[in-house]
Amino acid sequence: MTPSTAVVPKPIRARGRTGAVRGAMFLAAALLIACGDGSPAVTPPPPIVVSLVEVSAATSTLMRTQTVQLSAVARTSAGAVVTNELPVWTTTAPGIATVSTSGLVTGVAAGTATIRATVGGVSGALDITVTTGAGILATVVVDAQDRTIPLGQLTQATVNGRDLLGGAVPLGSRVITWSSSNAAIATITQAGVVTGVGIGAATLQASVADGAVARTGTVTITVTSIPNAPTTADVVMPGLTFSPFETVVKLGGTVRFLFPALAHNVIWDRRLAGSPADINIISNATVSRVFPTVGVFPYTCTLHPGMDGTVIVTP
């Protein structure tokens, strides 16, 4: 018998398993390529669409050279504020009003200009009117009846309104606030009455309310000493008065108070440094007080309302 030759089958299954493994690897690589790190793809949010731009300012009327800051608020159709884009500012008439990149408007000449703010292709606008300034309060001028006064004397301060052309503008019912740079030299009431209370100069300021702003002006008052002041002076009390009402004495001088049979007292304003000691109720006597401090020292008799006096102490 002829010996048969053994046939070894080909490893088909082994080759098939290797092909399947390779196919799975190719599929995984394709998935990795398609999905990056394998995470699910994220859909980007829709772009923000501006539907409205609101433009506003504290005032829409300017005089030449005046400025006003405009603001712009962009909103979506739902009313949400858009904050990721700055407005682009433009003016329709730069010869009347200019606008900076930040929205600051400056008046140039009389007329009207439209200022626009554009955000995301949508614009909002505000009309700005520029006037010549005639008849509109621009400045205040402060003066005084006397710019130099002796110690202890009074003067009246004044304030007047002016427009940009220099014309008079009535202040009307506008509130005026007065102040002094040095109340130890000159004081001023809210009616503008000035009193010299020390030697030197003080600047008086008037602040005039004009809507949301205040117009201010100043004047300088000089207070001088009183020449030939005596070192001793007498105050008598005929009836219910001090005579003289105003007594001048040199620094370090003495004032003698001559009390009659009718009892009086002399009470000083304790708020003023240098005021002497009070004189309590007394009659038929002479009481002296020495004044070592320059200034104006008012006093009163509290027993008799309206019975007042002042001692002025000068260098």
C-alpha atoms as a PDB file:
ATOM      1  CA  MET A   1       0.000   0.000   0.000  1.00  0.00           C
ATOM      2  CA  THR A   2       1.297   3.314  -0.948  1.00  0.00           C
ATOM      3  CA  PRO A   3       1.903   5.404   2.102  1.00  0.00           C
ATOM      4  CA  SER A   4      -0.363   8.531   2.114  1.00  0.00           C
ATOM      5  CA  THR A   5       1.008  11.993   2.487  1.00  0.00           C
ATOM      6  CA  ALA A   6      -0.301  13.923   5.583  1.00  0.00           C
ATOM      7  CA  VAL A   7      -2.028  17.228   4.826  1.00  0.00           C
ATOM      8  CA  VAL A   8      -1.676  19.977   7.421  1.00  0.00           C
ATOM      9  CA  PRO A   9      -4.671  22.339   7.377  1.00  0.00           C
ATOM     10  CA  LYS A  10      -3.943  26.075   7.050  1.00  0.00           C
ATOM     11  CA  PRO A  11      -4.572  28.128  10.189  1.00  0.00           C
ATOM     12  CA  ILE A  12      -7.624  29.931   8.740  1.00  0.00           C
ATOM     13  CA  ARG A  13      -9.192  30.586  12.123  1.00  0.00           C
ATOM     14  CA  ALA A  14      -6.028  32.135  13.465  1.00  0.00           C
ATOM     15  CA  ARG A  15      -5.842  34.469  10.477  1.00  0.00           C
ATOM     16  CA  GLY A  16      -9.493  35.330  10.927  1.00  0.00           C
ATOM     17  CA  ARG A  17      -9.018  36.288  14.589  1.00  0.00           C
ATOM     18  CA  THR A  18      -6.081  38.481  13.713  1.00  0.00           C
ATOM     19  CA  GLY A  19      -8.129  40.288  11.053  1.00  0.00           C
ATOM     20  CA  ALA A  20     -10.963  40.886  13.508  1.00  0.00           C
ATOM     21  CA  VAL A  21      -8.580  42.350  16.041  1.00  0.00           C
ATOM     22  CA  ARG A  22      -7.049  44.582  13.411  1.00  0.00           C
ATOM     23  CA  GLY A  23     -10.486  45.774  12.295  1.00  0.00           C
ATOM     24  CA  ALA A  24     -11.462  46.640  15.838  1.00  0.00           C
ATOM     25  CA  MET A  25      -8.268  48.602  16.244  1.00  0.00           C
ATOM     26  CA  PHE A  26      -8.916  50.538  13.039  1.00  0.00           C
ATOM     27  CA  LEU A  27     -12.470  51.319  14.216  1.00  0.00           C
ATOM     28  CA  ALA A  28     -11.262  52.559  17.627  1.00  0.00           C
ATOM     29  CA  ALA A  29      -8.650  54.764  15.972  1.00  0.00           C
ATOM     30  CA  ALA A  30     -11.290  56.196  13.678  1.00  0.00           C
ATOM     31  CA  LEU A  31     -13.514  56.947  16.646  1.00  0.00           C
ATOM     32  CA  LEU A  32     -10.632  58.603  18.467  1.00  0.00           C
ATOM     33  CA  ILE A  33      -9.868  60.723  15.434  1.00  0.00           C
ATOM     34  CA  ALA A  34     -13.507  61.693  15.088  1.00  0.00           C
ATOM     35  CA  CYS A  35     -14.095  62.542  18.770  1.00  0.00           C
ATOM     36  CA  GLY A  36     -10.737  63.884  19.916  1.00  0.00           C
ATOM     37  CA  ASP A  37     -10.229  62.569  23.409  1.00  0.00           C
ATOM     38  CA  GLY A  38     -13.335  60.472  23.255  1.00  0.00           C
ATOM     39  CA  SER A  39     -15.556  63.024  25.058  1.00  0.00           C
ATOM     40  CA  PRO A  40     -18.966  63.844  23.558  1.00  0.00           C
ATOM     41  CA  ALA A  41     -18.932  66.858  21.211  1.00  0.00           C
ATOM     42  CA  VAL A  42     -20.112  70.152  22.890  1.00  0.00           C
ATOM     43  CA  THR A  43     -22.411  72.455  20.944  1.00  0.00           C
ATOM     44  CA  PRO A  44     -21.246  76.131  21.246  1.00  0.00           C
ATOM     45  CA  PRO A  45     -23.808  78.630  22.616  1.00  0.00           C
ATOM     46  CA  PRO A  46     -25.597  80.778  20.085  1.00  0.00           C
ATOM     47  CA  PRO A  47     -24.084  84.255  19.537  1.00  0.00           C
ATOM     48  CA  ILE A  48     -25.486  87.163  21.606  1.00  0.00           C
ATOM     49  CA  VAL A  49     -27.642  89.374  19.420  1.00  0.00           C
ATOM     50  CA  VAL A  50     -28.073  93.049  20.330  1.00  0.00           C
ATOM     51  CA  SER A  51     -31.623  94.303  19.755  1.00  0.00           C
ATOM     52  CA  LEU A  52     -31.528  97.729  21.428  1.00  0.00           C
ATOM     53  CA  VAL A  53     -28.984 100.388  22.471  1.00  0.00           C
ATOM     54  CA  GLU A  54     -30.095 102.992  25.029  1.00  0.00           C
ATOM     55  CA  VAL A  55     -28.151 106.291  25.100  1.00  0.00           C
ATOM     56  CA  SER A  56     -28.541 108.730  28.011  1.00  0.00           C
ATOM     57  CA  ALA A  57     -26.871 111.799  29.587  1.00  0.00           C
ATOM     58  CA  ALA A  58     -27.324 114.102  32.582  1.00  0.00           C
ATOM     59  CA  THR A  59     -28.284 116.889  30.167  1.00  0.00           C
ATOM     60  CA  SER A  60     -28.877 117.203  26.444  1.00  0.00           C
ATOM     61  CA  THR A  61     -28.211 120.966  26.300  1.00  0.00           C
ATOM     62  CA  LEU A  62     -24.695 122.391  26.369  1.00  0.00           C
ATOM     63  CA  MET A  63     -23.009 125.710  25.919  1.00  0.00           C
ATOM     64  CA  ARG A  64     -19.904 126.058  23.800  1.00  0.00           C
ATOM     65  CA  THR A  65     -16.848 124.368  25.391  1.00  0.00           C
ATOM     66  CA  GLN A  66     -19.018 122.593  27.954  1.00  0.00           C
ATOM     67  CA  THR A  67     -18.887 118.797  28.187  1.00  0.00           C
ATOM     68  CA  VAL A  68     -21.250 116.006  29.174  1.00  0.00           C
ATOM     69  CA  GLN A  69     -20.612 112.276  29.570  1.00  0.00           C
ATOM     70  CA  LEU A  70     -22.955 109.993  27.618  1.00  0.00           C
ATOM     71  CA  SER A  71     -23.622 106.375  28.535  1.00  0.00           C
ATOM     72  CA  ALA A  72     -24.824 103.517  26.354  1.00  0.00           C
ATOM     73  CA  VAL A  73     -26.522 100.275  27.440  1.00  0.00           C
ATOM     74  CA  ALA A  74     -26.955  97.462  24.900  1.00  0.00           C
ATOM     75  CA  ARG A  75     -29.727  94.907  25.448  1.00  0.00           C
ATOM     76  CA  THR A  76     -30.909  91.663  23.882  1.00  0.00           C
ATOM     77  CA  SER A  77     -34.511  91.096  22.814  1.00  0.00           C
ATOM     78  CA  ALA A  78     -35.102  89.594  26.270  1.00  0.00           C
ATOM     79  CA  GLY A  79     -33.818  92.750  27.976  1.00  0.00           C
ATOM     80  CA  ALA A  80     -30.504  91.290  29.144  1.00  0.00           C
ATOM     81  CA  VAL A  81     -27.586  93.738  29.245  1.00  0.00           C
ATOM     82  CA  VAL A  82     -24.756  93.017  26.793  1.00  0.00           C
ATOM     83  CA  THR A  83     -21.384  93.682  28.409  1.00  0.00           C
ATOM     84  CA  ASN A  84     -18.850  91.970  26.130  1.00  0.00           C
ATOM     85  CA  GLU A  85     -18.660  94.735  23.528  1.00  0.00           C
ATOM     86  CA  LEU A  86     -17.863  98.444  23.873  1.00  0.00           C
ATOM     87  CA  PRO A  87     -19.942 101.020  21.992  1.00  0.00           C
ATOM     88  CA  VAL A  88     -18.532 102.902  19.032  1.00  0.00           C
ATOM     89  CA  TRP A  89     -19.411 106.612  19.316  1.00  0.00           C
ATOM     90  CA  THR A  90     -20.065 108.924  16.358  1.00  0.00           C
ATOM     91  CA  THR A  91     -21.534 112.387  15.800  1.00  0.00           C
ATOM     92  CA  THR A  92     -23.542 113.609  12.837  1.00  0.00           C
ATOM     93  CA  ALA A  93     -22.171 117.149  13.182  1.00  0.00           C
ATOM     94  CA  PRO A  94     -18.644 117.464  14.593  1.00  0.00           C
ATOM     95  CA  GLY A  95     -18.786 121.194  13.877  1.00  0.00           C
ATOM     96  CA  ILE A  96     -21.538 121.472  16.506  1.00  0.00           C
ATOM     97  CA  ALA A  97     -20.623 118.751  19.010  1.00  0.00           C
ATOM     98  CA  THR A  98     -17.737 116.296  19.105  1.00  0.00           C
ATOM     99  CA  VAL A  99     -17.680 112.944  20.886  1.00  0.00           C
ATOM    100  CA  SER A 100     -14.693 110.975  22.182  1.00  0.00           C
ATOM    101  CA  THR A 101     -14.202 107.206  22.027  1.00  0.00           C
ATOM    102  CA  SER A 102     -15.470 107.049  25.622  1.00  0.00           C
ATOM    103  CA  GLY A 103     -18.668 109.039  24.917  1.00  0.00           C
ATOM    104  CA  LEU A 104     -17.604 112.463  26.234  1.00  0.00           C
ATOM    105  CA  VAL A 105     -19.418 115.159  24.244  1.00  0.00           C
ATOM    106  CA  THR A 106     -18.044 118.704  23.866  1.00  0.00           C
ATOM    107  CA  GLY A 107     -20.083 121.642  22.592  1.00  0.00           C
ATOM    108  CA  VAL A 108     -18.433 123.458  19.669  1.00  0.00           C
ATOM    109  CA  ALA A 109     -20.997 125.813  18.109  1.00  0.00           C
ATOM    110  CA  ALA A 110     -24.699 126.596  18.324  1.00  0.00           C
ATOM    111  CA  GLY A 111     -26.934 123.948  16.768  1.00  0.00           C
ATOM    112  CA  THR A 112     -28.011 120.327  17.198  1.00  0.00           C
ATOM    113  CA  ALA A 113     -25.970 117.174  16.663  1.00  0.00           C
ATOM    114  CA  THR A 114     -27.043 113.558  16.912  1.00  0.00           C
ATOM    115  CA  ILE A 115     -24.672 111.373  18.922  1.00  0.00           C
ATOM    116  CA  ARG A 116     -24.845 107.648  18.148  1.00  0.00           C
ATOM    117  CA  ALA A 117     -23.544 104.615  20.021  1.00  0.00           C
ATOM    118  CA  THR A 118     -23.254 101.407  17.988  1.00  0.00           C
ATOM    119  CA  VAL A 119     -22.969  97.946  19.541  1.00  0.00           C
ATOM    120  CA  GLY A 120     -23.150  94.761  17.491  1.00  0.00           C
ATOM    121  CA  GLY A 121     -24.370  96.626  14.442  1.00  0.00           C
ATOM    122  CA  VAL A 122     -27.282  98.213  16.331  1.00  0.00           C
ATOM    123  CA  SER A 123     -27.306 101.947  17.121  1.00  0.00           C
ATOM    124  CA  GLY A 124     -28.918 104.175  19.727  1.00  0.00           C
ATOM    125  CA  ALA A 125     -28.913 107.967  19.506  1.00  0.00           C
ATOM    126  CA  LEU A 126     -29.345 111.147  21.527  1.00  0.00           C
ATOM    127  CA  ASP A 127     -29.734 114.691  20.189  1.00  0.00           C
ATOM    128  CA  ILE A 128     -27.430 117.250  21.813  1.00  0.00           C
ATOM    129  CA  THR A 129     -28.287 120.942  21.516  1.00  0.00           C
ATOM    130  CA  VAL A 130     -25.479 123.490  21.805  1.00  0.00           C
ATOM    131  CA  THR A 131     -26.421 127.081  22.652  1.00  0.00           C
ATOM    132  CA  THR A 132     -24.462 130.329  22.493  1.00  0.00           C
ATOM    133  CA  GLY A 133     -24.790 130.605  26.273  1.00  0.00           C
ATOM    134  CA  ALA A 134     -26.714 133.880  26.225  1.00  0.00           C
ATOM    135  CA  GLY A 135     -28.964 134.138  29.266  1.00  0.00           C
ATOM    136  CA  ILE A 136     -27.691 130.861  30.770  1.00  0.00           C
ATOM    137  CA  LEU A 137     -25.780 131.011  34.041  1.00  0.00           C
ATOM    138  CA  ALA A 138     -22.120 130.172  33.428  1.00  0.00           C
ATOM    139  CA  THR A 139     -20.171 131.980  36.164  1.00  0.00           C
ATOM    140  CA  VAL A 140     -20.723 134.016  39.302  1.00  0.00           C
ATOM    141  CA  VAL A 141     -18.883 137.195  40.252  1.00  0.00           C
ATOM    142  CA  VAL A 142     -18.310 137.852  43.967  1.00  0.00           C
ATOM    143  CA  ASP A 143     -17.452 141.271  45.371  1.00  0.00           C
ATOM    144  CA  ALA A 144     -17.773 143.291  48.569  1.00  0.00           C
ATOM    145  CA  GLN A 145     -18.828 146.834  49.313  1.00  0.00           C
ATOM    146  CA  ASP A 146     -15.437 147.298  51.027  1.00  0.00           C
ATOM    147  CA  ARG A 147     -12.538 144.954  50.409  1.00  0.00           C
ATOM    148  CA  THR A 148     -10.536 146.469  53.265  1.00  0.00           C
ATOM    149  CA  ILE A 149     -12.199 147.035  56.632  1.00  0.00           C
ATOM    150  CA  PRO A 150     -10.970 147.923  60.127  1.00  0.00           C
ATOM    151  CA  LEU A 151     -11.104 145.310  62.842  1.00  0.00           C
ATOM    152  CA  GLY A 152     -14.638 144.924  64.191  1.00  0.00           C
ATOM    153  CA  GLN A 153     -16.325 146.625  61.240  1.00  0.00           C
ATOM    154  CA  LEU A 154     -18.884 145.207  58.793  1.00  0.00           C
ATOM    155  CA  THR A 155     -19.262 145.133  55.015  1.00  0.00           C
ATOM    156  CA  GLN A 156     -21.716 143.532  52.592  1.00  0.00           C
ATOM    157  CA  ALA A 157     -20.588 140.848  50.152  1.00  0.00           C
ATOM    158  CA  THR A 158     -22.401 140.507  46.819  1.00  0.00           C
ATOM    159  CA  VAL A 159     -22.744 137.840  44.135  1.00  0.00           C
ATOM    160  CA  ASN A 160     -23.981 138.270  40.552  1.00  0.00           C
ATOM    161  CA  GLY A 161     -24.546 135.794  37.723  1.00  0.00           C
ATOM    162  CA  ARG A 162     -22.992 136.011  34.256  1.00  0.00           C
ATOM    163  CA  ASP A 163     -23.472 134.050  31.034  1.00  0.00           C
ATOM    164  CA  LEU A 164     -20.673 133.022  28.656  1.00  0.00           C
ATOM    165  CA  LEU A 165     -21.008 136.316  26.799  1.00  0.00           C
ATOM    166  CA  GLY A 166     -20.597 138.308  30.017  1.00  0.00           C
ATOM    167  CA  GLY A 167     -24.237 139.299  30.210  1.00  0.00           C
ATOM    168  CA  ALA A 168     -26.069 139.536  33.550  1.00  0.00           C
ATOM    169  CA  VAL A 169     -28.123 136.512  34.606  1.00  0.00           C
ATOM    170  CA  PRO A 170     -30.558 136.954  37.536  1.00  0.00           C
ATOM    171  CA  LEU A 171     -29.906 134.373  40.246  1.00  0.00           C
ATOM    172  CA  GLY A 172     -33.588 134.279  41.181  1.00  0.00           C
ATOM    173  CA  SER A 173     -34.398 131.693  43.820  1.00  0.00           C
ATOM    174  CA  ARG A 174     -31.092 129.803  43.508  1.00  0.00           C
ATOM    175  CA  VAL A 175     -29.605 128.893  46.906  1.00  0.00           C
ATOM    176  CA  ILE A 176     -26.429 130.842  47.779  1.00  0.00           C
ATOM    177  CA  THR A 177     -24.023 129.446  50.374  1.00  0.00           C
ATOM    178  CA  TRP A 178     -21.329 131.712  51.836  1.00  0.00           C
ATOM    179  CA  SER A 179     -18.107 130.593  53.530  1.00  0.00           C
ATOM    180  CA  SER A 180     -14.840 132.107  54.799  1.00  0.00           C
ATOM    181  CA  SER A 181     -11.389 130.603  54.351  1.00  0.00           C
ATOM    182  CA  ASN A 182     -10.390 131.922  57.801  1.00  0.00           C
ATOM    183  CA  ALA A 183     -13.171 132.632  60.286  1.00  0.00           C
ATOM    184  CA  ALA A 184     -10.551 133.940  62.733  1.00  0.00           C
ATOM    185  CA  ILE A 185     -10.007 136.875  60.341  1.00  0.00           C
ATOM    186  CA  ALA A 186     -13.409 137.460  58.773  1.00  0.00           C
ATOM    187  CA  THR A 187     -16.796 135.850  59.336  1.00  0.00           C
ATOM    188  CA  ILE A 188     -19.732 135.943  56.949  1.00  0.00           C
ATOM    189  CA  THR A 189     -23.423 135.236  57.442  1.00  0.00           C
ATOM    190  CA  GLN A 190     -25.601 133.465  54.908  1.00  0.00           C
ATOM    191  CA  ALA A 191     -26.965 136.919  54.045  1.00  0.00           C
ATOM    192  CA  GLY A 192     -23.431 137.963  53.006  1.00  0.00           C
ATOM    193  CA  VAL A 193     -22.713 140.249  55.972  1.00  0.00           C
ATOM    194  CA  VAL A 194     -18.952 140.255  56.664  1.00  0.00           C
ATOM    195  CA  THR A 195     -17.337 141.084  60.024  1.00  0.00           C
ATOM    196  CA  GLY A 196     -13.621 141.642  60.515  1.00  0.00           C
ATOM    197  CA  VAL A 197     -12.659 139.744  63.666  1.00  0.00           C
ATOM    198  CA  GLY A 198      -8.878 139.410  63.297  1.00  0.00           C
ATOM    199  CA  ILE A 199      -5.951 141.082  61.551  1.00  0.00           C
ATOM    200  CA  GLY A 200      -5.075 139.720  58.102  1.00  0.00           C
ATOM    201  CA  ALA A 201      -6.785 138.498  54.922  1.00  0.00           C
ATOM    202  CA  ALA A 202      -9.522 135.943  54.317  1.00  0.00           C
ATOM    203  CA  THR A 203     -11.106 134.650  51.117  1.00  0.00           C
ATOM    204  CA  LEU A 204     -14.891 134.677  51.008  1.00  0.00           C
ATOM    205  CA  GLN A 205     -16.618 132.200  48.699  1.00  0.00           C
ATOM    206  CA  ALA A 206     -20.162 132.176  47.342  1.00  0.00           C
ATOM    207  CA  SER A 207     -21.492 128.865  46.001  1.00  0.00           C
ATOM    208  CA  VAL A 208     -24.615 129.200  43.862  1.00  0.00           C
ATOM    209  CA  ALA A 209     -26.703 126.076  43.252  1.00  0.00           C
ATOM    210  CA  ASP A 210     -27.490 125.636  39.551  1.00  0.00           C
ATOM    211  CA  GLY A 211     -29.289 122.355  39.036  1.00  0.00           C
ATOM    212  CA  ALA A 212     -26.899 119.474  39.618  1.00  0.00           C
ATOM    213  CA  VAL A 213     -23.827 121.735  39.688  1.00  0.00           C
ATOM    214  CA  ALA A 214     -22.625 124.685  41.756  1.00  0.00           C
ATOM    215  CA  ARG A 215     -21.121 127.911  40.417  1.00  0.00           C
ATOM    216  CA  THR A 216     -18.556 129.456  42.756  1.00  0.00           C
ATOM    217  CA  GLY A 217     -16.760 132.764  43.034  1.00  0.00           C
ATOM    218  CA  THR A 218     -14.469 134.398  45.597  1.00  0.00           C
ATOM    219  CA  VAL A 219     -13.326 137.754  46.917  1.00  0.00           C
ATOM    220  CA  THR A 220     -10.525 138.544  49.374  1.00  0.00           C
ATOM    221  CA  ILE A 221     -11.189 140.751  52.398  1.00  0.00           C
ATOM    222  CA  THR A 222      -8.363 142.443  54.317  1.00  0.00           C
ATOM    223  CA  VAL A 223      -8.900 143.393  57.977  1.00  0.00           C
ATOM    224  CA  THR A 224      -6.656 146.122  59.391  1.00  0.00           C
ATOM    225  CA  SER A 225      -5.854 147.320  62.903  1.00  0.00           C
ATOM    226  CA  ILE A 226      -7.381 150.483  64.413  1.00  0.00           C
ATOM    227  CA  PRO A 227      -4.848 153.284  64.903  1.00  0.00           C
ATOM    228  CA  ASN A 228      -4.547 155.332  68.093  1.00  0.00           C
ATOM    229  CA  ALA A 229      -6.583 152.944  70.235  1.00  0.00           C
ATOM    230  CA  PRO A 230      -6.593 153.806  73.965  1.00  0.00           C
ATOM    231  CA  THR A 231      -5.176 151.521  76.633  1.00  0.00           C
ATOM    232  CA  THR A 232      -8.122 152.192  78.946  1.00  0.00           C
ATOM    233  CA  ALA A 233     -11.819 152.677  78.216  1.00  0.00           C
ATOM    234  CA  ASP A 234     -15.018 153.006  80.255  1.00  0.00           C
ATOM    235  CA  VAL A 235     -18.464 151.502  79.661  1.00  0.00           C
ATOM    236  CA  VAL A 236     -21.397 153.077  81.514  1.00  0.00           C
ATOM    237  CA  MET A 237     -24.998 151.870  81.761  1.00  0.00           C
ATOM    238  CA  PRO A 238     -27.568 154.622  81.429  1.00  0.00           C
ATOM    239  CA  GLY A 239     -30.913 152.874  81.611  1.00  0.00           C
ATOM    240  CA  LEU A 240     -30.943 149.579  79.730  1.00  0.00           C
ATOM    241  CA  THR A 241     -27.995 150.155  77.390  1.00  0.00           C
ATOM    242  CA  PHE A 242     -24.226 149.851  77.400  1.00  0.00           C
ATOM    243  CA  SER A 243     -22.569 153.112  76.380  1.00  0.00           C
ATOM    244  CA  PRO A 244     -20.689 153.130  74.181  1.00  0.00           C
ATOM    245  CA  PHE A 245     -22.156 150.096  72.455  1.00  0.00           C
ATOM    246  CA  GLU A 246     -18.775 149.474  70.812  1.00  0.00           C
ATOM    247  CA  THR A 247     -15.579 149.988  72.802  1.00  0.00           C
ATOM    248  CA  VAL A 248     -12.103 149.962  71.252  1.00  0.00           C
ATOM    249  CA  VAL A 249      -9.038 149.229  73.360  1.00  0.00           C
ATOM    250  CA  LYS A 250      -5.408 148.474  72.564  1.00  0.00           C
ATOM    251  CA  LEU A 251      -4.074 144.937  72.993  1.00  0.00           C
ATOM    252  CA  GLY A 252      -3.405 144.354  76.700  1.00  0.00           C
ATOM    253  CA  GLY A 253      -5.646 147.270  77.607  1.00  0.00           C
ATOM    254  CA  THR A 254      -8.355 147.525  80.277  1.00  0.00           C
ATOM    255  CA  VAL A 255     -12.087 148.176  80.051  1.00  0.00           C
ATOM    256  CA  ARG A 256     -13.878 149.407  83.186  1.00  0.00           C
ATOM    257  CA  PHE A 257     -17.590 148.642  83.563  1.00  0.00           C
ATOM    258  CA  LEU A 258     -19.388 151.208  85.748  1.00  0.00           C
ATOM    259  CA  PHE A 259     -22.519 149.627  87.231  1.00  0.00           C
ATOM    260  CA  PRO A 260     -25.308 151.971  88.434  1.00  0.00           C
ATOM    261  CA  ALA A 261     -27.891 151.356  91.168  1.00  0.00           C
ATOM    262  CA  LEU A 262     -29.884 149.185  88.763  1.00  0.00           C
ATOM    263  CA  ALA A 263     -28.272 145.755  88.794  1.00  0.00           C
ATOM    264  CA  HIS A 264     -26.778 144.305  85.571  1.00  0.00           C
ATOM    265  CA  ASN A 265     -24.393 141.568  84.574  1.00  0.00           C
ATOM    266  CA  VAL A 266     -21.897 141.140  81.708  1.00  0.00           C
ATOM    267  CA  ILE A 267     -21.831 137.714  80.044  1.00  0.00           C
ATOM    268  CA  TRP A 268     -19.267 136.986  77.292  1.00  0.00           C
ATOM    269  CA  ASP A 269     -19.523 134.631  74.338  1.00  0.00           C
ATOM    270  CA  ARG A 270     -17.620 131.620  75.692  1.00  0.00           C
ATOM    271  CA  ARG A 271     -17.039 130.266  72.183  1.00  0.00           C
ATOM    272  CA  LEU A 272     -14.453 132.989  71.549  1.00  0.00           C
ATOM    273  CA  ALA A 273     -10.922 132.368  72.780  1.00  0.00           C
ATOM    274  CA  GLY A 274      -9.628 135.331  74.753  1.00  0.00           C
ATOM    275  CA  SER A 275     -12.978 136.353  76.222  1.00  0.00           C
ATOM    276  CA  PRO A 276     -12.580 137.562  79.834  1.00  0.00           C
ATOM    277  CA  ALA A 277     -14.424 136.201  82.847  1.00  0.00           C
ATOM    278  CA  ASP A 278     -18.108 137.047  83.155  1.00  0.00           C
ATOM    279  CA  ILE A 279     -19.249 139.726  85.586  1.00  0.00           C
ATOM    280  CA  ASN A 280     -22.100 138.398  87.674  1.00  0.00           C
ATOM    281  CA  ILE A 281     -25.099 140.452  88.782  1.00  0.00           C
ATOM    282  CA  ILE A 282     -23.877 143.582  90.521  1.00  0.00           C
ATOM    283  CA  SER A 283     -24.840 147.231  91.150  1.00  0.00           C
ATOM    284  CA  ASN A 284     -23.126 150.433  92.374  1.00  0.00           C
ATOM    285  CA  ALA A 285     -19.654 149.120  91.485  1.00  0.00           C
ATOM    286  CA  THR A 286     -16.831 149.390  88.950  1.00  0.00           C
ATOM    287  CA  VAL A 287     -15.393 146.155  87.571  1.00  0.00           C
ATOM    288  CA  SER A 288     -12.388 145.986  85.221  1.00  0.00           C
ATOM    289  CA  ARG A 289     -11.405 143.409  82.613  1.00  0.00           C
ATOM    290  CA  VAL A 290      -8.043 143.117  80.808  1.00  0.00           C
ATOM    291  CA  PHE A 291      -7.896 141.995  77.128  1.00  0.00           C
ATOM    292  CA  PRO A 292      -4.697 140.125  76.145  1.00  0.00           C
ATOM    293  CA  THR A 293      -6.025 138.804  72.817  1.00  0.00           C
ATOM    294  CA  VAL A 294      -6.735 140.601  69.535  1.00  0.00           C
ATOM    295  CA  GLY A 295     -10.308 140.159  68.399  1.00  0.00           C
ATOM    296  CA  VAL A 296     -13.959 141.171  68.681  1.00  0.00           C
ATOM    297  CA  PHE A 297     -15.659 140.172  71.935  1.00  0.00           C
ATOM    298  CA  PRO A 298     -19.433 140.611  72.206  1.00  0.00           C
ATOM    299  CA  TYR A 299     -21.199 140.591  75.570  1.00  0.00           C
ATOM    300  CA  THR A 300     -24.758 140.897  76.893  1.00  0.00           C
ATOM    301  CA  CYS A 301     -26.741 141.602  80.023  1.00  0.00           C
ATOM    302  CA  THR A 302     -28.936 138.546  80.436  1.00  0.00           C
ATOM    303  CA  LEU A 303     -31.188 140.408  82.891  1.00  0.00           C
ATOM    304  CA  HIS A 304     -32.328 142.829  80.195  1.00  0.00           C
ATOM    305  CA  PRO A 305     -32.881 141.356  76.691  1.00  0.00           C
ATOM    306  CA  GLY A 306     -31.416 143.537  73.954  1.00  0.00           C
ATOM    307  CA  MET A 307     -28.802 145.093  76.229  1.00  0.00           C
ATOM    308  CA  ASP A 308     -25.655 144.181  74.293  1.00  0.00           C
ATOM    309  CA  GLY A 309     -22.160 145.540  73.658  1.00  0.00           C
ATOM    310  CA  THR A 310     -18.819 144.734  72.028  1.00  0.00           C
ATOM    311  CA  VAL A 311     -15.179 145.220  72.935  1.00  0.00           C
ATOM    312  CA  ILE A 312     -12.739 145.454  69.993  1.00  0.00           C
ATOM    313  CA  VAL A 313      -9.118 144.695  70.870  1.00  0.00           C
ATOM    314  CA  THR A 314      -6.590 145.939  68.280  1.00  0.00           C
ATOM    315  CA  PRO A 315      -2.809 145.583  67.987  1.00  0.00           C
END
